[in-house]
PDB file of N, CA and C in Angstrom:
ATOM      1  N   UNK A   1      76.225  79.329 119.297  1.00  0.00           N
ATOM      2  CA  UNK A   1      77.229  80.039 118.509  1.00  0.00           C
ATOM      3  C   UNK A   1      78.511  80.141 119.322  1.00  0.00           C
ATOM      4  N   UNK A   2      79.636  80.087 118.611  1.00  0.00           N
ATOM      5  CA  UNK A   2      80.921  80.302 119.259  1.00  0.00           C
ATOM      6  C   UNK A   2      81.914  80.795 118.219  1.00  0.00           C
ATOM      7  N   UNK A   3      83.040  81.268 118.698  1.00  0.00           N
ATOM      8  CA  UNK A   3      84.126  81.681 117.808  1.00  0.00           C
ATOM      9  C   UNK A   3      85.386  80.938 118.230  1.00  0.00           C
ATOM     10  N   UNK A   4      86.293  80.864 117.288  1.00  0.00           N
ATOM     11  CA  UNK A   4      87.585  80.232 117.556  1.00  0.00           C
ATOM     12  C   UNK A   4      88.583  80.896 116.615  1.00  0.00           C
ATOM     13  N   UNK A   5      89.767  81.166 117.090  1.00  0.00           N
ATOM     14  CA  UNK A   5      90.784  81.780 116.231  1.00  0.00           C
ATOM     15  C   UNK A   5      91.951  80.824 116.035  1.00  0.00           C
ATOM     16  N   UNK A   6      92.794  81.160 115.095  1.00  0.00           N
ATOM     17  CA  UNK A   6      93.979  80.342 114.834  1.00  0.00           C
ATOM     18  C   UNK A   6      94.852  80.239 116.080  1.00  0.00           C
ATOM     19  N   UNK A   7      94.841  81.257 116.917  1.00  0.00           N
ATOM     20  CA  UNK A   7      95.634  81.243 118.144  1.00  0.00           C
ATOM     21  C   UNK A   7      95.078  80.259 119.176  1.00  0.00           C
ATOM     22  N   UNK A   8      93.819  79.832 119.006  1.00  0.00           N
ATOM     23  CA  UNK A   8      93.174  78.920 119.949  1.00  0.00           C
ATOM     24  C   UNK A   8      93.507  77.449 119.693  1.00  0.00           C
ATOM     25  N   UNK A   9      94.099  77.135 118.550  1.00  0.00           N
ATOM     26  CA  UNK A   9      94.351  75.732 118.199  1.00  0.00           C
ATOM     27  C   UNK A   9      95.840  75.518 117.959  1.00  0.00           C
ATOM     28  N   UNK A  10      96.282  74.279 118.141  1.00  0.00           N
ATOM     29  CA  UNK A  10      97.702  73.993 117.932  1.00  0.00           C
ATOM     30  C   UNK A  10      98.022  73.901 116.441  1.00  0.00           C
ATOM     31  N   UNK A  11      99.268  74.152 116.108  1.00  0.00           N
ATOM     32  CA  UNK A  11      99.753  73.978 114.738  1.00  0.00           C
ATOM     33  C   UNK A  11     100.245  72.546 114.609  1.00  0.00           C
ATOM     34  N   UNK A  12      99.701  71.841 113.614  1.00  0.00           N
ATOM     35  CA  UNK A  12     100.077  70.459 113.373  1.00  0.00           C
ATOM     36  C   UNK A  12     100.982  70.417 112.145  1.00  0.00           C
ATOM     37  N   UNK A  13     102.160  69.825 112.283  1.00  0.00           N
ATOM     38  CA  UNK A  13     103.082  69.669 111.150  1.00  0.00           C
ATOM     39  C   UNK A  13     102.594  68.554 110.238  1.00  0.00           C
ATOM     40  N   UNK A  14     102.661  68.765 108.956  1.00  0.00           N
ATOM     41  CA  UNK A  14     102.370  67.728 107.948  1.00  0.00           C
ATOM     42  C   UNK A  14     103.342  67.967 106.812  1.00  0.00           C
ATOM     43  N   UNK A  15     103.813  66.985 106.165  1.00  0.00           N
ATOM     44  CA  UNK A  15     104.669  67.166 104.988  1.00  0.00           C
ATOM     45  C   UNK A  15     105.554  68.379 105.113  1.00  0.00           C
ATOM     46  N   UNK A  16     105.296  69.392 104.299  1.00  0.00           N
ATOM     47  CA  UNK A  16     106.113  70.611 104.269  1.00  0.00           C
ATOM     48  C   UNK A  16     105.299  71.834 104.658  1.00  0.00           C
ATOM     49  N   UNK A  17     104.587  71.728 105.771  1.00  0.00           N
ATOM     50  CA  UNK A  17     103.803  72.872 106.204  1.00  0.00           C
ATOM     51  C   UNK A  17     103.132  72.624 107.537  1.00  0.00           C
ATOM     52  N   UNK A  18     102.165  73.493 107.843  1.00  0.00           N
ATOM     53  CA  UNK A  18     101.417  73.381 109.083  1.00  0.00           C
ATOM     54  C   UNK A  18      99.925  73.462 108.789  1.00  0.00           C
ATOM     55  N   UNK A  19      99.160  72.915 109.709  1.00  0.00           N
ATOM     56  CA  UNK A  19      97.709  72.952 109.614  1.00  0.00           C
ATOM     57  C   UNK A  19      97.157  73.364 110.967  1.00  0.00           C
ATOM     58  N   UNK A  20      96.299  74.354 110.964  1.00  0.00           N
ATOM     59  CA  UNK A  20      95.599  74.769 112.174  1.00  0.00           C
ATOM     60  C   UNK A  20      94.158  74.292 112.019  1.00  0.00           C
ATOM     61  N   UNK A  21      93.794  73.301 112.803  1.00  0.00           N
ATOM     62  CA  UNK A  21      92.504  72.631 112.650  1.00  0.00           C
ATOM     63  C   UNK A  21      91.437  73.369 113.443  1.00  0.00           C
ATOM     64  N   UNK A  22      90.763  74.274 112.748  1.00  0.00           N
ATOM     65  CA  UNK A  22      89.793  75.158 113.388  1.00  0.00           C
ATOM     66  C   UNK A  22      88.475  74.473 113.708  1.00  0.00           C
ATOM     67  N   UNK A  23      88.043  73.557 112.861  1.00  0.00           N
ATOM     68  CA  UNK A  23      86.862  72.732 113.116  1.00  0.00           C
ATOM     69  C   UNK A  23      87.225  71.291 112.822  1.00  0.00           C
ATOM     70  N   UNK A  24      86.860  70.386 113.710  1.00  0.00           N
ATOM     71  CA  UNK A  24      87.097  68.955 113.509  1.00  0.00           C
ATOM     72  C   UNK A  24      85.790  68.204 113.741  1.00  0.00           C
ATOM     73  N   UNK A  25      85.851  66.900 113.657  1.00  0.00           N
ATOM     74  CA  UNK A  25      84.639  66.097 113.842  1.00  0.00           C
ATOM     75  C   UNK A  25      83.987  66.360 115.196  1.00  0.00           C
ATOM     76  N   UNK A  26      84.775  66.697 116.208  1.00  0.00           N
ATOM     77  CA  UNK A  26      84.229  66.960 117.544  1.00  0.00           C
ATOM     78  C   UNK A  26      83.271  68.150 117.566  1.00  0.00           C
ATOM     79  N   UNK A  27      83.353  69.024 116.580  1.00  0.00           N
ATOM     80  CA  UNK A  27      82.481  70.200 116.528  1.00  0.00           C
ATOM     81  C   UNK A  27      81.098  69.888 115.958  1.00  0.00           C
ATOM     82  N   UNK A  28      80.930  68.697 115.359  1.00  0.00           N
ATOM     83  CA  UNK A  28      79.624  68.272 114.896  1.00  0.00           C
ATOM     84  C   UNK A  28      79.059  69.028 113.715  1.00  0.00           C
ATOM     85  N   UNK A  29      79.897  69.622 112.896  1.00  0.00           N
ATOM     86  CA  UNK A  29      79.423  70.409 111.750  1.00  0.00           C
ATOM     87  C   UNK A  29      79.279  69.584 110.469  1.00  0.00           C
ATOM     88  N   UNK A  30      79.803  68.364 110.453  1.00  0.00           N
ATOM     89  CA  UNK A  30      79.724  67.538 109.249  1.00  0.00           C
ATOM     90  C   UNK A  30      80.872  67.759 108.283  1.00  0.00           C
ATOM     91  N   UNK A  31      81.790  68.646 108.609  1.00  0.00           N
ATOM     92  CA  UNK A  31      82.991  68.908 107.818  1.00  0.00           C
ATOM     93  C   UNK A  31      84.058  69.442 108.758  1.00  0.00           C
ATOM     94  N   UNK A  32      85.302  69.427 108.314  1.00  0.00           N
ATOM     95  CA  UNK A  32      86.404  70.023 109.067  1.00  0.00           C
ATOM     96  C   UNK A  32      86.924  71.224 108.296  1.00  0.00           C
ATOM     97  N   UNK A  33      87.448  72.200 109.017  1.00  0.00           N
ATOM     98  CA  UNK A  33      87.970  73.430 108.427  1.00  0.00           C
ATOM     99  C   UNK A  33      89.347  73.705 109.019  1.00  0.00           C
ATOM    100  N   UNK A  34      90.324  73.913 108.135  1.00  0.00           N
ATOM    101  CA  UNK A  34      91.704  74.144 108.575  1.00  0.00           C
ATOM    102  C   UNK A  34      92.299  75.342 107.855  1.00  0.00           C
ATOM    103  N   UNK A  35      93.238  75.988 108.514  1.00  0.00           N
ATOM    104  CA  UNK A  35      94.090  76.981 107.865  1.00  0.00           C
ATOM    105  C   UNK A  35      95.413  76.267 107.625  1.00  0.00           C
ATOM    106  N   UNK A  36      95.746  76.079 106.361  1.00  0.00           N
ATOM    107  CA  UNK A  36      96.921  75.305 105.977  1.00  0.00           C
ATOM    108  C   UNK A  36      97.966  76.230 105.380  1.00  0.00           C
ATOM    109  N   UNK A  37      99.206  76.074 105.809  1.00  0.00           N
ATOM    110  CA  UNK A  37     100.317  76.834 105.237  1.00  0.00           C
ATOM    111  C   UNK A  37     101.264  75.851 104.561  1.00  0.00           C
ATOM    112  N   UNK A  38     101.504  76.070 103.272  1.00  0.00           N
ATOM    113  CA  UNK A  38     102.440  75.274 102.487  1.00  0.00           C
ATOM    114  C   UNK A  38     103.713  76.107 102.343  1.00  0.00           C
ATOM    115  N   UNK A  39     104.821  75.589 102.815  1.00  0.00           N
ATOM    116  CA  UNK A  39     106.070  76.341 102.802  1.00  0.00           C
ATOM    117  C   UNK A  39     106.560  76.596 101.382  1.00  0.00           C
ATOM    118  N   UNK A  40     107.054  77.808 101.146  1.00  0.00           N
ATOM    119  CA  UNK A  40     107.609  78.188  99.844  1.00  0.00           C
ATOM    120  C   UNK A  40     108.689  77.201  99.434  1.00  0.00           C
ATOM    121  N   UNK A  41     108.671  76.805  98.154  1.00  0.00           N
ATOM    122  CA  UNK A  41     109.703  75.938  97.608  1.00  0.00           C
ATOM    123  C   UNK A  41     109.604  74.477  98.018  1.00  0.00           C
ATOM    124  N   UNK A  42     108.565  74.115  98.751  1.00  0.00           N
ATOM    125  CA  UNK A  42     108.441  72.742  99.242  1.00  0.00           C
ATOM    126  C   UNK A  42     107.682  71.856  98.257  1.00  0.00           C
ATOM    127  N   UNK A  43     107.722  70.559  98.519  1.00  0.00           N
ATOM    128  CA  UNK A  43     106.984  69.591  97.726  1.00  0.00           C
ATOM    129  C   UNK A  43     106.547  68.452  98.638  1.00  0.00           C
ATOM    130  N   UNK A  44     105.258  68.113  98.599  1.00  0.00           N
ATOM    131  CA  UNK A  44     104.725  67.013  99.400  1.00  0.00           C
ATOM    132  C   UNK A  44     103.775  66.188  98.548  1.00  0.00           C
ATOM    133  N   UNK A  45     104.008  64.881  98.503  1.00  0.00           N
ATOM    134  CA  UNK A  45     103.096  63.975  97.813  1.00  0.00           C
ATOM    135  C   UNK A  45     102.065  63.504  98.835  1.00  0.00           C
ATOM    136  N   UNK A  46     100.773  63.705  98.527  1.00  0.00           N
ATOM    137  CA  UNK A  46      99.715  63.468  99.501  1.00  0.00           C
ATOM    138  C   UNK A  46      98.557  62.669  98.904  1.00  0.00           C
ATOM    139  N   UNK A  47      97.833  62.010  99.781  1.00  0.00           N
ATOM    140  CA  UNK A  47      96.570  61.385  99.414  1.00  0.00           C
ATOM    141  C   UNK A  47      95.744  61.228 100.682  1.00  0.00           C
ATOM    142  N   UNK A  48      94.499  61.681 100.624  1.00  0.00           N
ATOM    143  CA  UNK A  48      93.578  61.514 101.737  1.00  0.00           C
ATOM    144  C   UNK A  48      92.604  60.412 101.358  1.00  0.00           C
ATOM    145  N   UNK A  49      92.879  59.200 101.828  1.00  0.00           N
ATOM    146  CA  UNK A  49      92.100  58.020 101.442  1.00  0.00           C
ATOM    147  C   UNK A  49      90.699  58.016 102.032  1.00  0.00           C
ATOM    148  N   UNK A  50      90.490  58.723 103.144  1.00  0.00           N
ATOM    149  CA  UNK A  50      89.216  58.669 103.849  1.00  0.00           C
ATOM    150  C   UNK A  50      88.433  59.968 103.823  1.00  0.00           C
ATOM    151  N   UNK A  51      88.960  60.978 103.135  1.00  0.00           N
ATOM    152  CA  UNK A  51      88.326  62.297 103.164  1.00  0.00           C
ATOM    153  C   UNK A  51      88.346  62.933 101.776  1.00  0.00           C
ATOM    154  N   UNK A  52      87.270  63.597 101.423  1.00  0.00           N
ATOM    155  CA  UNK A  52      87.292  64.489 100.274  1.00  0.00           C
ATOM    156  C   UNK A  52      87.868  65.808 100.770  1.00  0.00           C
ATOM    157  N   UNK A  53      88.514  66.539  99.870  1.00  0.00           N
ATOM    158  CA  UNK A  53      89.167  67.781 100.283  1.00  0.00           C
ATOM    159  C   UNK A  53      88.959  68.859  99.235  1.00  0.00           C
ATOM    160  N   UNK A  54      88.720  70.070  99.722  1.00  0.00           N
ATOM    161  CA  UNK A  54      88.706  71.254  98.866  1.00  0.00           C
ATOM    162  C   UNK A  54      89.558  72.312  99.556  1.00  0.00           C
ATOM    163  N   UNK A  55      90.437  72.964  98.786  1.00  0.00           N
ATOM    164  CA  UNK A  55      91.328  73.987  99.344  1.00  0.00           C
ATOM    165  C   UNK A  55      91.211  75.269  98.543  1.00  0.00           C
ATOM    166  N   UNK A  56      91.033  76.373  99.255  1.00  0.00           N
ATOM    167  CA  UNK A  56      90.898  77.688  98.647  1.00  0.00           C
ATOM    168  C   UNK A  56      92.109  78.519  99.036  1.00  0.00           C
ATOM    169  N   UNK A  57      92.815  79.029  98.048  1.00  0.00           N
ATOM    170  CA  UNK A  57      94.027  79.815  98.293  1.00  0.00           C
ATOM    171  C   UNK A  57      93.657  81.263  98.627  1.00  0.00           C
ATOM    172  N   UNK A  58      94.149  81.730  99.770  1.00  0.00           N
ATOM    173  CA  UNK A  58      93.888  83.116 100.185  1.00  0.00           C
ATOM    174  C   UNK A  58      95.141  83.983 100.119  1.00  0.00           C
ATOM    175  N   UNK A  59      96.323  83.360 100.023  1.00  0.00           N
ATOM    176  CA  UNK A  59      97.572  84.140  99.929  1.00  0.00           C
ATOM    177  C   UNK A  59      98.682  83.235  99.421  1.00  0.00           C
ATOM    178  N   UNK A  60      99.704  83.848  98.842  1.00  0.00           N
ATOM    179  CA  UNK A  60     100.860  83.108  98.355  1.00  0.00           C
ATOM    180  C   UNK A  60     100.590  82.448  97.018  1.00  0.00           C
ATOM    181  N   UNK A  61     101.386  81.416  96.719  1.00  0.00           N
ATOM    182  CA  UNK A  61     101.232  80.724  95.438  1.00  0.00           C
ATOM    183  C   UNK A  61     101.859  79.350  95.515  1.00  0.00           C
ATOM    184  N   UNK A  62     101.508  78.532  94.549  1.00  0.00           N
ATOM    185  CA  UNK A  62     102.039  77.189  94.479  1.00  0.00           C
ATOM    186  C   UNK A  62     101.391  76.431  93.346  1.00  0.00           C
ATOM    187  N   UNK A  63     101.375  75.114  93.450  1.00  0.00           N
ATOM    188  CA  UNK A  63     100.796  74.272  92.407  1.00  0.00           C
ATOM    189  C   UNK A  63     100.345  72.944  92.999  1.00  0.00           C
ATOM    190  N   UNK A  64      99.388  72.335  92.321  1.00  0.00           N
ATOM    191  CA  UNK A  64      98.981  70.959  92.592  1.00  0.00           C
ATOM    192  C   UNK A  64      99.293  70.178  91.327  1.00  0.00           C
ATOM    193  N   UNK A  65      99.996  69.056  91.485  1.00  0.00           N
ATOM    194  CA  UNK A  65     100.415  68.254  90.343  1.00  0.00           C
ATOM    195  C   UNK A  65      99.754  66.880  90.436  1.00  0.00           C
ATOM    196  N   UNK A  66      99.084  66.489  89.365  1.00  0.00           N
ATOM    197  CA  UNK A  66      98.461  65.173  89.294  1.00  0.00           C
ATOM    198  C   UNK A  66      99.533  64.120  89.003  1.00  0.00           C
ATOM    199  N   UNK A  67      99.270  62.847  89.324  1.00  0.00           N
ATOM    200  CA  UNK A  67     100.260  61.796  89.058  1.00  0.00           C
ATOM    201  C   UNK A  67     100.704  61.704  87.598  1.00  0.00           C
ATOM    202  N   UNK A  68      99.848  62.129  86.643  1.00  0.00           N
ATOM    203  CA  UNK A  68     100.234  62.090  85.227  1.00  0.00           C
ATOM    204  C   UNK A  68     101.081  63.285  84.815  1.00  0.00           C
ATOM    205  N   UNK A  69     101.387  64.172  85.792  1.00  0.00           N
ATOM    206  CA  UNK A  69     102.229  65.331  85.514  1.00  0.00           C
ATOM    207  C   UNK A  69     101.478  66.617  85.215  1.00  0.00           C
ATOM    208  N   UNK A  70     100.156  66.567  85.133  1.00  0.00           N
ATOM    209  CA  UNK A  70      99.368  67.781  84.888  1.00  0.00           C
ATOM    210  C   UNK A  70      99.537  68.730  86.063  1.00  0.00           C
ATOM    211  N   UNK A  71      99.926  69.984  85.763  1.00  0.00           N
ATOM    212  CA  UNK A  71     100.191  70.993  86.790  1.00  0.00           C
ATOM    213  C   UNK A  71      99.054  72.007  86.804  1.00  0.00           C
ATOM    214  N   UNK A  72      98.536  72.274  88.011  1.00  0.00           N
ATOM    215  CA  UNK A  72      97.513  73.291  88.212  1.00  0.00           C
ATOM    216  C   UNK A  72      98.122  74.381  89.089  1.00  0.00           C
ATOM    217  N   UNK A  73      98.329  75.556  88.513  1.00  0.00           N
ATOM    218  CA  UNK A  73      98.889  76.674  89.273  1.00  0.00           C
ATOM    219  C   UNK A  73      97.840  77.171  90.268  1.00  0.00           C
ATOM    220  N   UNK A  74      98.279  77.459  91.488  1.00  0.00           N
ATOM    221  CA  UNK A  74      97.388  77.922  92.542  1.00  0.00           C
ATOM    222  C   UNK A  74      97.832  79.319  92.979  1.00  0.00           C
ATOM    223  N   UNK A  75      96.918  80.258  92.906  1.00  0.00           N
ATOM    224  CA  UNK A  75      97.144  81.643  93.332  1.00  0.00           C
ATOM    225  C   UNK A  75      95.911  82.067  94.135  1.00  0.00           C
ATOM    226  N   UNK A  76      95.994  83.202  94.839  1.00  0.00           N
ATOM    227  CA  UNK A  76      94.821  83.644  95.590  1.00  0.00           C
ATOM    228  C   UNK A  76      93.563  83.704  94.706  1.00  0.00           C
ATOM    229  N   UNK A  77      92.476  83.155  95.258  1.00  0.00           N
ATOM    230  CA  UNK A  77      91.223  83.102  94.527  1.00  0.00           C
ATOM    231  C   UNK A  77      90.982  81.790  93.817  1.00  0.00           C
ATOM    232  N   UNK A  78      91.954  80.862  93.867  1.00  0.00           N
ATOM    233  CA  UNK A  78      91.836  79.553  93.215  1.00  0.00           C
ATOM    234  C   UNK A  78      91.439  78.502  94.245  1.00  0.00           C
ATOM    235  N   UNK A  79      90.514  77.621  93.856  1.00  0.00           N
ATOM    236  CA  UNK A  79      90.166  76.470  94.673  1.00  0.00           C
ATOM    237  C   UNK A  79      90.599  75.207  93.930  1.00  0.00           C
ATOM    238  N   UNK A  80      91.137  74.231  94.651  1.00  0.00           N
ATOM    239  CA  UNK A  80      91.348  72.923  94.045  1.00  0.00           C
ATOM    240  C   UNK A  80      90.577  71.900  94.865  1.00  0.00           C
ATOM    241  N   UNK A  81      90.028  70.916  94.166  1.00  0.00           N
ATOM    242  CA  UNK A  81      89.087  69.980  94.764  1.00  0.00           C
ATOM    243  C   UNK A  81      89.531  68.550  94.466  1.00  0.00           C
ATOM    244  N   UNK A  82      89.496  67.710  95.490  1.00  0.00           N
ATOM    245  CA  UNK A  82      89.891  66.306  95.375  1.00  0.00           C
ATOM    246  C   UNK A  82      88.720  65.435  95.825  1.00  0.00           C
ATOM    247  N   UNK A  83      87.703  65.273  94.958  1.00  0.00           N
ATOM    248  CA  UNK A  83      86.501  64.549  95.371  1.00  0.00           C
ATOM    249  C   UNK A  83      86.640  63.038  95.396  1.00  0.00           C
ATOM    250  N   UNK A  84      87.681  62.500  94.752  1.00  0.00           N
ATOM    251  CA  UNK A  84      87.824  61.044  94.629  1.00  0.00           C
ATOM    252  C   UNK A  84      89.093  60.532  95.291  1.00  0.00           C
ATOM    253  N   UNK A  85      89.543  61.230  96.331  1.00  0.00           N
ATOM    254  CA  UNK A  85      90.710  60.797  97.111  1.00  0.00           C
ATOM    255  C   UNK A  85      91.972  60.715  96.250  1.00  0.00           C
ATOM    256  N   UNK A  86      92.096  61.610  95.310  1.00  0.00           N
ATOM    257  CA  UNK A  86      93.194  61.575  94.351  1.00  0.00           C
ATOM    258  C   UNK A  86      94.560  61.789  95.001  1.00  0.00           C
ATOM    259  N   UNK A  87      95.532  61.038  94.516  1.00  0.00           N
ATOM    260  CA  UNK A  87      96.922  61.312  94.865  1.00  0.00           C
ATOM    261  C   UNK A  87      97.290  62.632  94.194  1.00  0.00           C
ATOM    262  N   UNK A  88      98.147  63.417  94.867  1.00  0.00           N
ATOM    263  CA  UNK A  88      98.565  64.692  94.296  1.00  0.00           C
ATOM    264  C   UNK A  88      99.860  65.149  94.966  1.00  0.00           C
ATOM    265  N   UNK A  89     100.574  65.978  94.263  1.00  0.00           N
ATOM    266  CA  UNK A  89     101.770  66.606  94.818  1.00  0.00           C
ATOM    267  C   UNK A  89     101.439  68.065  95.037  1.00  0.00           C
ATOM    268  N   UNK A  90     101.656  68.534  96.243  1.00  0.00           N
ATOM    269  CA  UNK A  90     101.393  69.924  96.578  1.00  0.00           C
ATOM    270  C   UNK A  90     102.731  70.645  96.661  1.00  0.00           C
ATOM    271  N   UNK A  91     102.900  71.659  95.822  1.00  0.00           N
ATOM    272  CA  UNK A  91     104.166  72.395  95.756  1.00  0.00           C
ATOM    273  C   UNK A  91     103.981  73.824  96.235  1.00  0.00           C
ATOM    274  N   UNK A  92     104.864  74.242  97.120  1.00  0.00           N
ATOM    275  CA  UNK A  92     104.909  75.639  97.519  1.00  0.00           C
ATOM    276  C   UNK A  92     105.597  76.435  96.426  1.00  0.00           C
ATOM    277  N   UNK A  93     105.159  77.670  96.228  1.00  0.00           N
ATOM    278  CA  UNK A  93     105.712  78.516  95.174  1.00  0.00           C
ATOM    279  C   UNK A  93     106.833  79.401  95.675  1.00  0.00           C
ATOM    280  N   UNK A  94     106.818  80.650  95.250  1.00  0.00           N
ATOM    281  CA  UNK A  94     107.862  81.597  95.615  1.00  0.00           C
ATOM    282  C   UNK A  94     107.641  82.210  96.989  1.00  0.00           C
ATOM    283  N   UNK A  95     106.470  82.010  97.553  1.00  0.00           N
ATOM    284  CA  UNK A  95     106.172  82.463  98.909  1.00  0.00           C
ATOM    285  C   UNK A  95     105.229  81.449  99.551  1.00  0.00           C
ATOM    286  N   UNK A  96     105.155  81.449 100.871  1.00  0.00           N
ATOM    287  CA  UNK A  96     104.258  80.517 101.557  1.00  0.00           C
ATOM    288  C   UNK A  96     102.839  80.659 101.004  1.00  0.00           C
ATOM    289  N   UNK A  97     102.200  79.511 100.782  1.00  0.00           N
ATOM    290  CA  UNK A  97     100.824  79.505 100.286  1.00  0.00           C
ATOM    291  C   UNK A  97      99.895  79.230 101.460  1.00  0.00           C
ATOM    292  N   UNK A  98      98.885  80.078 101.614  1.00  0.00           N
ATOM    293  CA  UNK A  98      97.894  79.930 102.679  1.00  0.00           C
ATOM    294  C   UNK A  98      96.597  79.430 102.069  1.00  0.00           C
ATOM    295  N   UNK A  99      96.099  78.321 102.613  1.00  0.00           N
ATOM    296  CA  UNK A  99      94.891  77.691 102.105  1.00  0.00           C
ATOM    297  C   UNK A  99      93.855  77.578 103.209  1.00  0.00           C
ATOM    298  N   UNK A 100      92.591  77.716 102.843  1.00  0.00           N
ATOM    299  CA  UNK A 100      91.484  77.326 103.697  1.00  0.00           C
ATOM    300  C   UNK A 100      91.082  75.944 103.201  1.00  0.00           C
ATOM    301  N   UNK A 101      91.258  74.928 104.042  1.00  0.00           N
ATOM    302  CA  UNK A 101      91.039  73.537 103.653  1.00  0.00           C
ATOM    303  C   UNK A 101      89.786  73.002 104.328  1.00  0.00           C
ATOM    304  N   UNK A 102      88.941  72.344 103.529  1.00  0.00           N
ATOM    305  CA  UNK A 102      87.703  71.750 104.033  1.00  0.00           C
ATOM    306  C   UNK A 102      87.759  70.253 103.767  1.00  0.00           C
ATOM    307  N   UNK A 103      87.438  69.451 104.790  1.00  0.00           N
ATOM    308  CA  UNK A 103      87.457  68.000 104.676  1.00  0.00           C
ATOM    309  C   UNK A 103      86.079  67.417 104.978  1.00  0.00           C
ATOM    310  N   UNK A 104      85.681  66.440 104.149  1.00  0.00           N
ATOM    311  CA  UNK A 104      84.434  65.725 104.353  1.00  0.00           C
ATOM    312  C   UNK A 104      84.690  64.240 104.111  1.00  0.00           C
ATOM    313  N   UNK A 105      84.360  63.338 105.024  1.00  0.00           N
ATOM    314  CA  UNK A 105      83.879  63.637 106.368  1.00  0.00           C
ATOM    315  C   UNK A 105      84.958  64.382 107.156  1.00  0.00           C
ATOM    316  N   UNK A 106      84.555  64.978 108.255  1.00  0.00           N
ATOM    317  CA  UNK A 106      85.530  65.786 109.001  1.00  0.00           C
ATOM    318  C   UNK A 106      86.663  64.947 109.572  1.00  0.00           C
ATOM    319  N   UNK A 107      87.841  65.531 109.587  1.00  0.00           N
ATOM    320  CA  UNK A 107      88.978  64.893 110.251  1.00  0.00           C
ATOM    321  C   UNK A 107      88.794  65.030 111.762  1.00  0.00           C
ATOM    322  N   UNK A 108      89.429  64.136 112.495  1.00  0.00           N
ATOM    323  CA  UNK A 108      89.356  64.219 113.953  1.00  0.00           C
ATOM    324  C   UNK A 108      90.343  65.256 114.487  1.00  0.00           C
ATOM    325  N   UNK A 109      91.391  65.512 113.707  1.00  0.00           N
ATOM    326  CA  UNK A 109      92.406  66.469 114.129  1.00  0.00           C
ATOM    327  C   UNK A 109      93.677  65.823 114.618  1.00  0.00           C
ATOM    328  N   UNK A 110      93.625  64.514 114.868  1.00  0.00           N
ATOM    329  CA  UNK A 110      94.841  63.844 115.347  1.00  0.00           C
ATOM    330  C   UNK A 110      95.364  62.803 114.359  1.00  0.00           C
ATOM    331  N   UNK A 111      94.905  62.872 113.110  1.00  0.00           N
ATOM    332  CA  UNK A 111      95.405  61.958 112.082  1.00  0.00           C
ATOM    333  C   UNK A 111      96.902  62.171 111.868  1.00  0.00           C
ATOM    334  N   UNK A 112      97.580  61.108 111.548  1.00  0.00           N
ATOM    335  CA  UNK A 112      99.017  61.168 111.261  1.00  0.00           C
ATOM    336  C   UNK A 112      99.247  60.701 109.831  1.00  0.00           C
ATOM    337  N   UNK A 113     100.038  61.447 109.087  1.00  0.00           N
ATOM    338  CA  UNK A 113     100.404  61.053 107.735  1.00  0.00           C
ATOM    339  C   UNK A 113     101.384  59.889 107.805  1.00  0.00           C
ATOM    340  N   UNK A 114     101.180  58.884 106.956  1.00  0.00           N
ATOM    341  CA  UNK A 114     102.074  57.740 106.867  1.00  0.00           C
ATOM    342  C   UNK A 114     102.582  57.635 105.443  1.00  0.00           C
ATOM    343  N   UNK A 115     103.869  57.414 105.291  1.00  0.00           N
ATOM    344  CA  UNK A 115     104.465  57.282 103.971  1.00  0.00           C
ATOM    345  C   UNK A 115     104.132  55.917 103.397  1.00  0.00           C
ATOM    346  N   UNK A 116     103.553  55.896 102.179  1.00  0.00           N
ATOM    347  CA  UNK A 116     103.210  54.635 101.524  1.00  0.00           C
ATOM    348  C   UNK A 116     104.366  54.187 100.638  1.00  0.00           C
ATOM    349  N   UNK A 117     104.287  52.979 100.120  1.00  0.00           N
ATOM    350  CA  UNK A 117     105.378  52.413  99.324  1.00  0.00           C
ATOM    351  C   UNK A 117     105.641  53.190  98.038  1.00  0.00           C
ATOM    352  N   UNK A 118     104.648  53.938  97.545  1.00  0.00           N
ATOM    353  CA  UNK A 118     104.856  54.716  96.316  1.00  0.00           C
ATOM    354  C   UNK A 118     105.286  56.154  96.597  1.00  0.00           C
ATOM    355  N   UNK A 119     105.620  56.452  97.863  1.00  0.00           N
ATOM    356  CA  UNK A 119     106.177  57.764  98.195  1.00  0.00           C
ATOM    357  C   UNK A 119     105.160  58.815  98.561  1.00  0.00           C
ATOM    358  N   UNK A 120     103.869  58.459  98.654  1.00  0.00           N
ATOM    359  CA  UNK A 120     102.846  59.425  99.029  1.00  0.00           C
ATOM    360  C   UNK A 120     102.594  59.361 100.526  1.00  0.00           C
ATOM    361  N   UNK A 121     102.388  60.515 101.124  1.00  0.00           N
ATOM    362  CA  UNK A 121     102.010  60.597 102.527  1.00  0.00           C
ATOM    363  C   UNK A 121     100.493  60.513 102.574  1.00  0.00           C
ATOM    364  N   UNK A 122      99.987  59.599 103.366  1.00  0.00           N
ATOM    365  CA  UNK A 122      98.570  59.295 103.304  1.00  0.00           C
ATOM    366  C   UNK A 122      97.984  59.115 104.697  1.00  0.00           C
ATOM    367  N   UNK A 123      96.672  59.402 104.813  1.00  0.00           N
ATOM    368  CA  UNK A 123      95.887  58.981 105.987  1.00  0.00           C
ATOM    369  C   UNK A 123      94.447  58.877 105.603  1.00  0.00           C
TER     370      UNK A 123
END
């Protein structure tokens, strides 16, 4: 057993926010766990080609937008799930949105987002 706090890990910049990677593949848990902050008023087009992702909102607000324009409002208590590596736009709302993000398979923690030809940041 061990503990780890947000203060124990570095903040990694991605798109329009930060990610604190609390558990990564090195921890051997079979999933990764991050505290993600999406900046208010921001917009980031994302796709995780190698990982499934589920995000649970614990504070703030925002939205996830599908490529067809379908908007899913995100508020505390809402989870959004991307089981098929879906492209999506993550929008910050009127205040910073705090998410608990889970990745399967686990991320290593040093992945870098790369801009693709269609404008999505991907890894």
